[in-house]
């Protein structure tokens, strides 16, 4: 019996790409190594501005399925849903989440609307053009609508609103920016993978902000994720509290993560990010379909704590293909 063949599809980093974009190459290497380990032949294809031609070229039958690692196209996260859409069009099976799930969860605005409709706590917010409705003295955070990996988020993204800020906030484009309530409190990342009997919630990870942050907001911003020499990177660590985590809170965040899986029709793997306020109320701040799979990623850390080999994770992901 011939081996199955897989095309590992990824966004080809642009020239002078930053660390967050180059990270996809680590994912490709790691995924390829583990696919080969379970007996699947692989080849790689980097996606560029010519993505329509590049995807159509895979319809010749030389691949049995695609492992989709595309996070953006020409550096723009809002275009990534084109890849599963084209794979659908050419009837090429692929891993991870569907075009619908990718499109909705890539947009923080659409995600917030879907969460609210489902009755799941999510920070309130508005587009920058409606900033006049914000409450003076309250804290907010302004985020890029379409980007992940904390791209565009800095310590200055959190602000205390005053009426004289209206004009400066209106300079942000509604199509690409969103203002939300800033939830002061703890931050958790909840990873989920497919299993034989349904989605499995992996051990909860808490982001710990060490040392003295003074007036800096305790958020996982771009520096905390990507700039190794920064204060934010060196003092933001991932911890798995395990039995030390309050059981009621653990059940709450696990149940919410599973609800998100169902609401957004997630497949293969995902990560749900939450903030928990001083009253122990969780708020979903982001739904990550197809989160990072590099060796040092949050999802990989959670699988190790759960005692799972990555080759097993790979098997589970490819058993839940979009056909």
C-alpha atoms as a PDB file:
ATOM      1  CA  UNK A   1       0.000   0.000   0.000  1.00  0.00           C
ATOM      2  CA  UNK A   2       1.455   3.370  -1.014  1.00  0.00           C
ATOM      3  CA  UNK A   3       2.027   6.021   1.624  1.00  0.00           C
ATOM      4  CA  UNK A   4      -0.338   8.945   1.942  1.00  0.00           C
ATOM      5  CA  UNK A   5       1.047  12.218   0.629  1.00  0.00           C
ATOM      6  CA  UNK A   6       0.562  15.549   2.362  1.00  0.00           C
ATOM      7  CA  UNK A   7       1.295  19.063   1.161  1.00  0.00           C
ATOM      8  CA  UNK A   8       2.268  21.338   4.036  1.00  0.00           C
ATOM      9  CA  UNK A   9       0.846  24.696   3.052  1.00  0.00           C
ATOM     10  CA  UNK A  10       2.170  27.844   4.728  1.00  0.00           C
ATOM     11  CA  UNK A  11       2.442  31.578   4.174  1.00  0.00           C
ATOM     12  CA  UNK A  12       5.788  32.346   2.545  1.00  0.00           C
ATOM     13  CA  UNK A  13       7.364  35.023   4.789  1.00  0.00           C
ATOM     14  CA  UNK A  14       7.906  38.361   3.116  1.00  0.00           C
ATOM     15  CA  UNK A  15      11.367  39.866   2.755  1.00  0.00           C
ATOM     16  CA  UNK A  16      12.530  41.363   6.086  1.00  0.00           C
ATOM     17  CA  UNK A  17       9.707  39.511   7.863  1.00  0.00           C
ATOM     18  CA  UNK A  18       9.349  39.992  11.628  1.00  0.00           C
ATOM     19  CA  UNK A  19       9.644  37.200  14.198  1.00  0.00           C
ATOM     20  CA  UNK A  20       5.895  36.535  14.329  1.00  0.00           C
ATOM     21  CA  UNK A  21       5.768  35.862  10.572  1.00  0.00           C
ATOM     22  CA  UNK A  22       8.973  33.779  10.501  1.00  0.00           C
ATOM     23  CA  UNK A  23       7.533  31.536  13.224  1.00  0.00           C
ATOM     24  CA  UNK A  24       5.531  29.661  10.583  1.00  0.00           C
ATOM     25  CA  UNK A  25       8.780  28.112   9.309  1.00  0.00           C
ATOM     26  CA  UNK A  26       9.338  26.495  12.721  1.00  0.00           C
ATOM     27  CA  UNK A  27       5.797  25.117  12.514  1.00  0.00           C
ATOM     28  CA  UNK A  28       6.450  23.657   9.056  1.00  0.00           C
ATOM     29  CA  UNK A  29       9.607  21.917  10.254  1.00  0.00           C
ATOM     30  CA  UNK A  30       7.922  20.508  13.356  1.00  0.00           C
ATOM     31  CA  UNK A  31       4.774  19.317  11.568  1.00  0.00           C
ATOM     32  CA  UNK A  32       6.760  17.750   8.720  1.00  0.00           C
ATOM     33  CA  UNK A  33       9.003  15.847  11.116  1.00  0.00           C
ATOM     34  CA  UNK A  34       6.006  14.362  12.911  1.00  0.00           C
ATOM     35  CA  UNK A  35       4.045  13.576   9.754  1.00  0.00           C
ATOM     36  CA  UNK A  36       7.065  11.657   8.476  1.00  0.00           C
ATOM     37  CA  UNK A  37       7.304   9.865  11.820  1.00  0.00           C
ATOM     38  CA  UNK A  38       3.811   8.411  11.370  1.00  0.00           C
ATOM     39  CA  UNK A  39       4.565   7.325   7.809  1.00  0.00           C
ATOM     40  CA  UNK A  40       3.152  10.181   5.721  1.00  0.00           C
ATOM     41  CA  UNK A  41       5.151  11.550   2.790  1.00  0.00           C
ATOM     42  CA  UNK A  42       5.338  15.337   2.664  1.00  0.00           C
ATOM     43  CA  UNK A  43       6.242  18.236   0.463  1.00  0.00           C
ATOM     44  CA  UNK A  44       6.063  21.957   1.200  1.00  0.00           C
ATOM     45  CA  UNK A  45       4.395  24.830  -0.619  1.00  0.00           C
ATOM     46  CA  UNK A  46       4.753  28.467   0.417  1.00  0.00           C
ATOM     47  CA  UNK A  47       1.774  30.675  -0.439  1.00  0.00           C
ATOM     48  CA  UNK A  48       2.410  34.090  -2.011  1.00  0.00           C
ATOM     49  CA  UNK A  49       0.389  36.784  -3.783  1.00  0.00           C
ATOM     50  CA  UNK A  50      -0.220  34.171  -6.531  1.00  0.00           C
ATOM     51  CA  UNK A  51      -2.176  31.994  -4.099  1.00  0.00           C
ATOM     52  CA  UNK A  52      -5.061  31.246  -6.492  1.00  0.00           C
ATOM     53  CA  UNK A  53      -2.711  29.689  -9.046  1.00  0.00           C
ATOM     54  CA  UNK A  54      -0.717  27.962  -6.287  1.00  0.00           C
ATOM     55  CA  UNK A  55      -3.798  26.279  -4.825  1.00  0.00           C
ATOM     56  CA  UNK A  56      -5.199  25.275  -8.219  1.00  0.00           C
ATOM     57  CA  UNK A  57      -1.854  23.567  -8.903  1.00  0.00           C
ATOM     58  CA  UNK A  58      -2.577  21.153  -6.041  1.00  0.00           C
ATOM     59  CA  UNK A  59      -5.690  19.818  -7.776  1.00  0.00           C
ATOM     60  CA  UNK A  60      -3.627  17.439  -9.946  1.00  0.00           C
ATOM     61  CA  UNK A  61      -3.936  14.608  -7.432  1.00  0.00           C
ATOM     62  CA  UNK A  62      -0.339  14.605  -6.222  1.00  0.00           C
ATOM     63  CA  UNK A  63      -1.437  15.198  -2.636  1.00  0.00           C
ATOM     64  CA  UNK A  64      -3.961  13.246  -0.570  1.00  0.00           C
ATOM     65  CA  UNK A  65      -4.528  16.136   1.798  1.00  0.00           C
ATOM     66  CA  UNK A  66      -3.157  19.520   2.825  1.00  0.00           C
ATOM     67  CA  UNK A  67      -1.868  20.450   6.270  1.00  0.00           C
ATOM     68  CA  UNK A  68      -2.955  24.068   6.382  1.00  0.00           C
ATOM     69  CA  UNK A  69      -0.540  26.328   8.292  1.00  0.00           C
ATOM     70  CA  UNK A  70      -1.382  29.526   6.386  1.00  0.00           C
ATOM     71  CA  UNK A  71      -1.805  32.386   8.882  1.00  0.00           C
ATOM     72  CA  UNK A  72      -1.856  35.305   6.442  1.00  0.00           C
ATOM     73  CA  UNK A  73      -1.367  36.177   2.790  1.00  0.00           C
ATOM     74  CA  UNK A  74       1.202  38.860   1.902  1.00  0.00           C
ATOM     75  CA  UNK A  75       1.277  39.702   5.609  1.00  0.00           C
ATOM     76  CA  UNK A  76      -2.480  40.299   5.928  1.00  0.00           C
ATOM     77  CA  UNK A  77      -4.389  38.074   8.343  1.00  0.00           C
ATOM     78  CA  UNK A  78      -7.772  39.084   6.904  1.00  0.00           C
ATOM     79  CA  UNK A  79      -6.980  37.150   3.704  1.00  0.00           C
ATOM     80  CA  UNK A  80      -6.207  33.774   5.283  1.00  0.00           C
ATOM     81  CA  UNK A  81      -9.747  32.419   4.816  1.00  0.00           C
ATOM     82  CA  UNK A  82      -9.168  32.384   1.043  1.00  0.00           C
ATOM     83  CA  UNK A  83      -7.009  29.279   1.476  1.00  0.00           C
ATOM     84  CA  UNK A  84      -9.651  26.927   2.918  1.00  0.00           C
ATOM     85  CA  UNK A  85     -12.180  28.462   0.496  1.00  0.00           C
ATOM     86  CA  UNK A  86      -9.997  27.532  -2.483  1.00  0.00           C
ATOM     87  CA  UNK A  87      -9.212  24.085  -1.067  1.00  0.00           C
ATOM     88  CA  UNK A  88     -12.963  23.553  -0.787  1.00  0.00           C
ATOM     89  CA  UNK A  89     -13.449  24.717  -4.363  1.00  0.00           C
ATOM     90  CA  UNK A  90     -10.928  22.173  -5.667  1.00  0.00           C
ATOM     91  CA  UNK A  91     -12.193  19.398  -3.318  1.00  0.00           C
ATOM     92  CA  UNK A  92      -8.803  19.048  -1.642  1.00  0.00           C
ATOM     93  CA  UNK A  93      -9.082  17.708   1.941  1.00  0.00           C
ATOM     94  CA  UNK A  94      -7.316  19.862   4.523  1.00  0.00           C
ATOM     95  CA  UNK A  95      -6.567  19.976   8.237  1.00  0.00           C
ATOM     96  CA  UNK A  96      -7.808  22.377  10.851  1.00  0.00           C
ATOM     97  CA  UNK A  97     -10.743  24.693  10.637  1.00  0.00           C
ATOM     98  CA  UNK A  98     -13.223  25.371   7.869  1.00  0.00           C
ATOM     99  CA  UNK A  99     -13.482  28.518   5.782  1.00  0.00           C
ATOM    100  CA  UNK A 100     -16.476  29.665   7.857  1.00  0.00           C
ATOM    101  CA  UNK A 101     -14.695  29.150  11.191  1.00  0.00           C
ATOM    102  CA  UNK A 102     -11.502  30.815   9.949  1.00  0.00           C
ATOM    103  CA  UNK A 103     -13.353  33.836   8.584  1.00  0.00           C
ATOM    104  CA  UNK A 104     -15.482  34.466  11.683  1.00  0.00           C
ATOM    105  CA  UNK A 105     -12.772  33.841  14.302  1.00  0.00           C
ATOM    106  CA  UNK A 106     -10.102  35.827  12.454  1.00  0.00           C
ATOM    107  CA  UNK A 107     -12.326  38.891  12.894  1.00  0.00           C
ATOM    108  CA  UNK A 108     -12.449  39.949  16.542  1.00  0.00           C
ATOM    109  CA  UNK A 109     -15.607  41.935  15.744  1.00  0.00           C
ATOM    110  CA  UNK A 110     -17.451  38.930  14.270  1.00  0.00           C
ATOM    111  CA  UNK A 111     -16.193  36.733  17.110  1.00  0.00           C
ATOM    112  CA  UNK A 112     -17.539  39.163  19.722  1.00  0.00           C
ATOM    113  CA  UNK A 113     -20.935  39.300  17.999  1.00  0.00           C
ATOM    114  CA  UNK A 114     -21.181  35.489  17.838  1.00  0.00           C
ATOM    115  CA  UNK A 115     -20.188  35.131  21.503  1.00  0.00           C
ATOM    116  CA  UNK A 116     -22.772  37.662  22.617  1.00  0.00           C
ATOM    117  CA  UNK A 117     -25.506  35.926  20.607  1.00  0.00           C
ATOM    118  CA  UNK A 118     -24.569  32.664  22.331  1.00  0.00           C
ATOM    119  CA  UNK A 119     -24.661  34.248  25.787  1.00  0.00           C
ATOM    120  CA  UNK A 120     -20.926  33.870  26.436  1.00  0.00           C
ATOM    121  CA  UNK A 121     -19.180  36.691  28.302  1.00  0.00           C
ATOM    122  CA  UNK A 122     -17.051  38.833  26.037  1.00  0.00           C
ATOM    123  CA  UNK A 123     -15.698  42.335  26.698  1.00  0.00           C
ATOM    124  CA  UNK A 124     -18.109  45.040  25.565  1.00  0.00           C
ATOM    125  CA  UNK A 125     -16.861  47.320  22.856  1.00  0.00           C
ATOM    126  CA  UNK A 126     -17.433  49.490  19.821  1.00  0.00           C
ATOM    127  CA  UNK A 127     -15.740  50.623  16.598  1.00  0.00           C
ATOM    128  CA  UNK A 128     -13.511  53.708  16.944  1.00  0.00           C
ATOM    129  CA  UNK A 129     -16.064  55.928  15.158  1.00  0.00           C
ATOM    130  CA  UNK A 130     -18.458  55.327  18.074  1.00  0.00           C
ATOM    131  CA  UNK A 131     -15.930  56.066  20.825  1.00  0.00           C
ATOM    132  CA  UNK A 132     -18.181  58.836  22.138  1.00  0.00           C
ATOM    133  CA  UNK A 133     -20.233  56.144  23.887  1.00  0.00           C
ATOM    134  CA  UNK A 134     -17.277  55.070  26.051  1.00  0.00           C
ATOM    135  CA  UNK A 135     -17.468  55.868  29.763  1.00  0.00           C
ATOM    136  CA  UNK A 136     -14.966  58.483  31.021  1.00  0.00           C
ATOM    137  CA  UNK A 137     -12.577  57.001  33.584  1.00  0.00           C
ATOM    138  CA  UNK A 138     -13.073  53.396  32.410  1.00  0.00           C
ATOM    139  CA  UNK A 139     -10.239  51.335  30.942  1.00  0.00           C
ATOM    140  CA  UNK A 140     -10.314  50.060  27.367  1.00  0.00           C
ATOM    141  CA  UNK A 141      -8.035  48.319  24.892  1.00  0.00           C
ATOM    142  CA  UNK A 142      -7.831  49.022  21.165  1.00  0.00           C
ATOM    143  CA  UNK A 143      -7.007  46.011  18.982  1.00  0.00           C
ATOM    144  CA  UNK A 144      -6.511  45.218  15.305  1.00  0.00           C
ATOM    145  CA  UNK A 145      -9.644  43.419  14.087  1.00  0.00           C
ATOM    146  CA  UNK A 146      -7.954  40.914  11.778  1.00  0.00           C
ATOM    147  CA  UNK A 147      -4.500  40.149  13.165  1.00  0.00           C
ATOM    148  CA  UNK A 148      -3.336  37.485  15.635  1.00  0.00           C
ATOM    149  CA  UNK A 149      -0.077  36.884  17.504  1.00  0.00           C
ATOM    150  CA  UNK A 150      -0.669  40.209  19.340  1.00  0.00           C
ATOM    151  CA  UNK A 151       0.350  42.073  16.193  1.00  0.00           C
ATOM    152  CA  UNK A 152      -0.499  45.751  16.673  1.00  0.00           C
ATOM    153  CA  UNK A 153      -0.970  45.432  20.453  1.00  0.00           C
ATOM    154  CA  UNK A 154       1.403  47.370  22.729  1.00  0.00           C
ATOM    155  CA  UNK A 155       1.365  48.639  26.296  1.00  0.00           C
ATOM    156  CA  UNK A 156      -0.160  51.842  24.906  1.00  0.00           C
ATOM    157  CA  UNK A 157      -3.127  49.893  23.532  1.00  0.00           C
ATOM    158  CA  UNK A 158      -4.712  49.988  27.002  1.00  0.00           C
ATOM    159  CA  UNK A 159      -6.013  53.443  27.920  1.00  0.00           C
ATOM    160  CA  UNK A 160      -8.287  55.262  30.347  1.00  0.00           C
ATOM    161  CA  UNK A 161     -10.924  57.026  28.309  1.00  0.00           C
ATOM    162  CA  UNK A 162     -11.482  60.793  28.551  1.00  0.00           C
ATOM    163  CA  UNK A 163     -13.867  62.755  26.277  1.00  0.00           C
ATOM    164  CA  UNK A 164     -11.038  64.758  24.712  1.00  0.00           C
ATOM    165  CA  UNK A 165      -9.724  61.494  23.194  1.00  0.00           C
ATOM    166  CA  UNK A 166     -12.661  61.153  20.756  1.00  0.00           C
ATOM    167  CA  UNK A 167     -10.982  62.759  17.754  1.00  0.00           C
ATOM    168  CA  UNK A 168      -7.705  60.848  18.154  1.00  0.00           C
ATOM    169  CA  UNK A 169      -9.596  57.542  18.444  1.00  0.00           C
ATOM    170  CA  UNK A 170     -11.655  58.296  15.345  1.00  0.00           C
ATOM    171  CA  UNK A 171      -8.426  58.306  13.338  1.00  0.00           C
ATOM    172  CA  UNK A 172      -8.478  54.496  13.627  1.00  0.00           C
ATOM    173  CA  UNK A 173     -10.322  52.804  10.760  1.00  0.00           C
ATOM    174  CA  UNK A 174     -13.469  50.881  11.819  1.00  0.00           C
ATOM    175  CA  UNK A 175     -12.678  48.124   9.316  1.00  0.00           C
ATOM    176  CA  UNK A 176      -9.373  47.330  11.005  1.00  0.00           C
ATOM    177  CA  UNK A 177      -9.680  48.375  14.680  1.00  0.00           C
ATOM    178  CA  UNK A 178     -11.946  47.548  17.610  1.00  0.00           C
ATOM    179  CA  UNK A 179     -12.199  49.092  21.089  1.00  0.00           C
ATOM    180  CA  UNK A 180     -13.130  46.728  23.929  1.00  0.00           C
ATOM    181  CA  UNK A 181     -13.451  46.905  27.713  1.00  0.00           C
ATOM    182  CA  UNK A 182     -10.135  46.127  29.353  1.00  0.00           C
ATOM    183  CA  UNK A 183     -10.645  43.214  31.750  1.00  0.00           C
ATOM    184  CA  UNK A 184      -8.258  43.616  34.678  1.00  0.00           C
ATOM    185  CA  UNK A 185      -7.397  40.180  36.018  1.00  0.00           C
ATOM    186  CA  UNK A 186      -5.899  36.783  35.216  1.00  0.00           C
ATOM    187  CA  UNK A 187      -5.336  35.467  31.690  1.00  0.00           C
ATOM    188  CA  UNK A 188      -5.835  31.842  30.625  1.00  0.00           C
ATOM    189  CA  UNK A 189      -5.216  29.954  27.382  1.00  0.00           C
ATOM    190  CA  UNK A 190      -7.361  26.846  26.876  1.00  0.00           C
ATOM    191  CA  UNK A 191      -6.246  24.468  24.119  1.00  0.00           C
ATOM    192  CA  UNK A 192      -8.587  21.894  22.573  1.00  0.00           C
ATOM    193  CA  UNK A 193      -7.886  19.015  20.171  1.00  0.00           C
ATOM    194  CA  UNK A 194     -10.128  16.512  18.422  1.00  0.00           C
ATOM    195  CA  UNK A 195     -10.555  13.098  20.003  1.00  0.00           C
ATOM    196  CA  UNK A 196     -12.299   9.826  19.213  1.00  0.00           C
ATOM    197  CA  UNK A 197     -15.276  10.762  21.375  1.00  0.00           C
ATOM    198  CA  UNK A 198     -15.240  14.502  20.639  1.00  0.00           C
ATOM    199  CA  UNK A 199     -13.110  17.528  21.485  1.00  0.00           C
ATOM    200  CA  UNK A 200     -10.698  17.185  24.414  1.00  0.00           C
ATOM    201  CA  UNK A 201      -9.876  20.187  26.605  1.00  0.00           C
ATOM    202  CA  UNK A 202      -6.196  20.186  27.549  1.00  0.00           C
ATOM    203  CA  UNK A 203      -4.800  21.468  30.878  1.00  0.00           C
ATOM    204  CA  UNK A 204      -5.442  25.184  31.404  1.00  0.00           C
ATOM    205  CA  UNK A 205      -2.451  27.497  31.019  1.00  0.00           C
ATOM    206  CA  UNK A 206      -2.246  30.755  32.954  1.00  0.00           C
ATOM    207  CA  UNK A 207      -0.083  33.657  31.842  1.00  0.00           C
ATOM    208  CA  UNK A 208       1.894  34.887  34.843  1.00  0.00           C
ATOM    209  CA  UNK A 209       3.189  38.474  34.909  1.00  0.00           C
ATOM    210  CA  UNK A 210       6.286  38.424  37.092  1.00  0.00           C
ATOM    211  CA  UNK A 211       8.329  41.216  38.673  1.00  0.00           C
ATOM    212  CA  UNK A 212       7.186  44.830  39.042  1.00  0.00           C
ATOM    213  CA  UNK A 213       5.084  46.044  36.111  1.00  0.00           C
ATOM    214  CA  UNK A 214       4.557  49.483  37.655  1.00  0.00           C
ATOM    215  CA  UNK A 215       1.984  51.228  35.434  1.00  0.00           C
ATOM    216  CA  UNK A 216       2.325  48.795  32.540  1.00  0.00           C
ATOM    217  CA  UNK A 217      -0.895  46.921  31.736  1.00  0.00           C
ATOM    218  CA  UNK A 218      -0.558  43.190  32.343  1.00  0.00           C
ATOM    219  CA  UNK A 219      -1.312  41.954  28.848  1.00  0.00           C
ATOM    220  CA  UNK A 220       0.391  39.587  26.431  1.00  0.00           C
ATOM    221  CA  UNK A 221       1.317  42.209  23.856  1.00  0.00           C
ATOM    222  CA  UNK A 222       3.617  41.943  20.839  1.00  0.00           C
ATOM    223  CA  UNK A 223       6.762  42.447  22.925  1.00  0.00           C
ATOM    224  CA  UNK A 224       5.712  39.746  25.401  1.00  0.00           C
ATOM    225  CA  UNK A 225       5.325  37.251  22.556  1.00  0.00           C
ATOM    226  CA  UNK A 226       8.166  38.091  20.203  1.00  0.00           C
ATOM    227  CA  UNK A 227      10.865  40.465  21.536  1.00  0.00           C
ATOM    228  CA  UNK A 228      13.144  38.272  23.646  1.00  0.00           C
ATOM    229  CA  UNK A 229      15.206  41.130  25.085  1.00  0.00           C
ATOM    230  CA  UNK A 230      12.182  43.061  26.303  1.00  0.00           C
ATOM    231  CA  UNK A 231      10.948  43.372  29.905  1.00  0.00           C
ATOM    232  CA  UNK A 232       7.547  42.077  28.765  1.00  0.00           C
ATOM    233  CA  UNK A 233       8.947  38.894  27.193  1.00  0.00           C
ATOM    234  CA  UNK A 234      11.206  38.080  30.125  1.00  0.00           C
ATOM    235  CA  UNK A 235       8.478  38.637  32.722  1.00  0.00           C
ATOM    236  CA  UNK A 236       5.526  36.935  31.028  1.00  0.00           C
ATOM    237  CA  UNK A 237       5.581  33.175  31.596  1.00  0.00           C
ATOM    238  CA  UNK A 238       3.167  30.331  30.935  1.00  0.00           C
ATOM    239  CA  UNK A 239       2.175  28.276  33.976  1.00  0.00           C
ATOM    240  CA  UNK A 240      -0.030  25.215  34.330  1.00  0.00           C
ATOM    241  CA  UNK A 241      -1.612  25.515  37.786  1.00  0.00           C
ATOM    242  CA  UNK A 242      -3.173  22.036  37.696  1.00  0.00           C
ATOM    243  CA  UNK A 243      -4.650  21.119  41.087  1.00  0.00           C
ATOM    244  CA  UNK A 244      -3.893  24.617  42.388  1.00  0.00           C
ATOM    245  CA  UNK A 245      -6.572  26.063  40.108  1.00  0.00           C
ATOM    246  CA  UNK A 246      -9.951  26.564  41.778  1.00  0.00           C
ATOM    247  CA  UNK A 247     -12.129  23.635  40.637  1.00  0.00           C
ATOM    248  CA  UNK A 248     -15.216  25.766  39.986  1.00  0.00           C
ATOM    249  CA  UNK A 249     -13.196  28.182  37.862  1.00  0.00           C
ATOM    250  CA  UNK A 250     -11.514  25.315  36.024  1.00  0.00           C
ATOM    251  CA  UNK A 251     -14.909  23.815  35.161  1.00  0.00           C
ATOM    252  CA  UNK A 252     -16.232  27.193  34.048  1.00  0.00           C
ATOM    253  CA  UNK A 253     -13.406  27.877  31.624  1.00  0.00           C
ATOM    254  CA  UNK A 254     -13.408  24.298  30.341  1.00  0.00           C
ATOM    255  CA  UNK A 255     -17.161  24.418  29.688  1.00  0.00           C
ATOM    256  CA  UNK A 256     -16.855  27.798  27.958  1.00  0.00           C
ATOM    257  CA  UNK A 257     -14.057  26.478  25.729  1.00  0.00           C
ATOM    258  CA  UNK A 258     -16.214  23.520  24.665  1.00  0.00           C
ATOM    259  CA  UNK A 259     -19.147  25.855  23.961  1.00  0.00           C
ATOM    260  CA  UNK A 260     -16.878  27.938  21.725  1.00  0.00           C
ATOM    261  CA  UNK A 261     -15.813  24.780  19.872  1.00  0.00           C
ATOM    262  CA  UNK A 262     -19.464  24.021  19.148  1.00  0.00           C
ATOM    263  CA  UNK A 263     -20.617  27.586  18.390  1.00  0.00           C
ATOM    264  CA  UNK A 264     -17.873  28.245  15.833  1.00  0.00           C
ATOM    265  CA  UNK A 265     -17.894  24.709  14.381  1.00  0.00           C
ATOM    266  CA  UNK A 266     -14.208  24.216  15.209  1.00  0.00           C
ATOM    267  CA  UNK A 267     -12.273  21.169  14.001  1.00  0.00           C
ATOM    268  CA  UNK A 268      -8.870  19.592  14.597  1.00  0.00           C
ATOM    269  CA  UNK A 269      -7.421  22.014  17.106  1.00  0.00           C
ATOM    270  CA  UNK A 270      -8.060  25.432  18.612  1.00  0.00           C
ATOM    271  CA  UNK A 271      -7.159  27.707  21.526  1.00  0.00           C
ATOM    272  CA  UNK A 272      -9.552  29.880  23.492  1.00  0.00           C
ATOM    273  CA  UNK A 273      -8.069  32.876  25.347  1.00  0.00           C
ATOM    274  CA  UNK A 274      -9.858  34.278  28.384  1.00  0.00           C
ATOM    275  CA  UNK A 275      -9.468  36.962  31.021  1.00  0.00           C
ATOM    276  CA  UNK A 276     -10.928  36.295  34.492  1.00  0.00           C
ATOM    277  CA  UNK A 277     -11.909  39.359  36.511  1.00  0.00           C
ATOM    278  CA  UNK A 278     -11.685  39.938  40.285  1.00  0.00           C
ATOM    279  CA  UNK A 279     -15.100  38.267  40.728  1.00  0.00           C
ATOM    280  CA  UNK A 280     -13.855  35.079  39.020  1.00  0.00           C
ATOM    281  CA  UNK A 281     -16.004  35.767  35.949  1.00  0.00           C
ATOM    282  CA  UNK A 282     -14.347  34.559  32.710  1.00  0.00           C
ATOM    283  CA  UNK A 283     -14.511  36.614  29.512  1.00  0.00           C
ATOM    284  CA  UNK A 284     -13.511  35.157  26.147  1.00  0.00           C
ATOM    285  CA  UNK A 285     -11.132  37.617  24.509  1.00  0.00           C
ATOM    286  CA  UNK A 286     -10.125  35.564  21.482  1.00  0.00           C
ATOM    287  CA  UNK A 287     -10.968  32.334  19.658  1.00  0.00           C
ATOM    288  CA  UNK A 288      -7.932  30.996  17.824  1.00  0.00           C
ATOM    289  CA  UNK A 289      -8.790  28.546  15.046  1.00  0.00           C
ATOM    290  CA  UNK A 290      -5.594  26.847  13.794  1.00  0.00           C
ATOM    291  CA  UNK A 291      -3.360  28.260  16.571  1.00  0.00           C
ATOM    292  CA  UNK A 292       0.434  28.106  16.374  1.00  0.00           C
ATOM    293  CA  UNK A 293       1.963  24.595  16.279  1.00  0.00           C
ATOM    294  CA  UNK A 294       5.629  25.488  16.803  1.00  0.00           C
ATOM    295  CA  UNK A 295       7.435  23.468  19.527  1.00  0.00           C
ATOM    296  CA  UNK A 296       7.295  26.352  22.034  1.00  0.00           C
ATOM    297  CA  UNK A 297       3.653  27.268  21.388  1.00  0.00           C
ATOM    298  CA  UNK A 298       0.913  27.255  24.012  1.00  0.00           C
ATOM    299  CA  UNK A 299      -0.935  24.357  22.412  1.00  0.00           C
ATOM    300  CA  UNK A 300       2.209  22.229  22.306  1.00  0.00           C
ATOM    301  CA  UNK A 301       2.991  23.044  25.933  1.00  0.00           C
ATOM    302  CA  UNK A 302      -0.523  21.943  26.893  1.00  0.00           C
ATOM    303  CA  UNK A 303      -0.202  18.643  25.016  1.00  0.00           C
ATOM    304  CA  UNK A 304       3.049  17.890  26.851  1.00  0.00           C
ATOM    305  CA  UNK A 305       1.414  18.578  30.226  1.00  0.00           C
ATOM    306  CA  UNK A 306      -1.435  16.267  29.149  1.00  0.00           C
ATOM    307  CA  UNK A 307       1.140  13.541  28.415  1.00  0.00           C
ATOM    308  CA  UNK A 308       0.476  13.444  24.673  1.00  0.00           C
ATOM    309  CA  UNK A 309       3.162  12.918  22.039  1.00  0.00           C
ATOM    310  CA  UNK A 310       2.926  15.369  19.150  1.00  0.00           C
ATOM    311  CA  UNK A 311       2.697  12.459  16.717  1.00  0.00           C
ATOM    312  CA  UNK A 312      -0.575  11.537  18.498  1.00  0.00           C
ATOM    313  CA  UNK A 313      -1.780  15.137  18.188  1.00  0.00           C
ATOM    314  CA  UNK A 314      -0.982  15.004  14.462  1.00  0.00           C
ATOM    315  CA  UNK A 315      -2.977  11.774  14.111  1.00  0.00           C
ATOM    316  CA  UNK A 316      -5.960  13.399  15.796  1.00  0.00           C
ATOM    317  CA  UNK A 317      -5.769  16.512  13.620  1.00  0.00           C
ATOM    318  CA  UNK A 318      -5.626  14.552  10.367  1.00  0.00           C
ATOM    319  CA  UNK A 319      -8.473  12.286  11.503  1.00  0.00           C
ATOM    320  CA  UNK A 320     -10.705  15.385  11.538  1.00  0.00           C
ATOM    321  CA  UNK A 321     -10.107  16.633   7.976  1.00  0.00           C
ATOM    322  CA  UNK A 322     -12.351  18.987   6.043  1.00  0.00           C
ATOM    323  CA  UNK A 323     -13.379  16.953   2.984  1.00  0.00           C
END
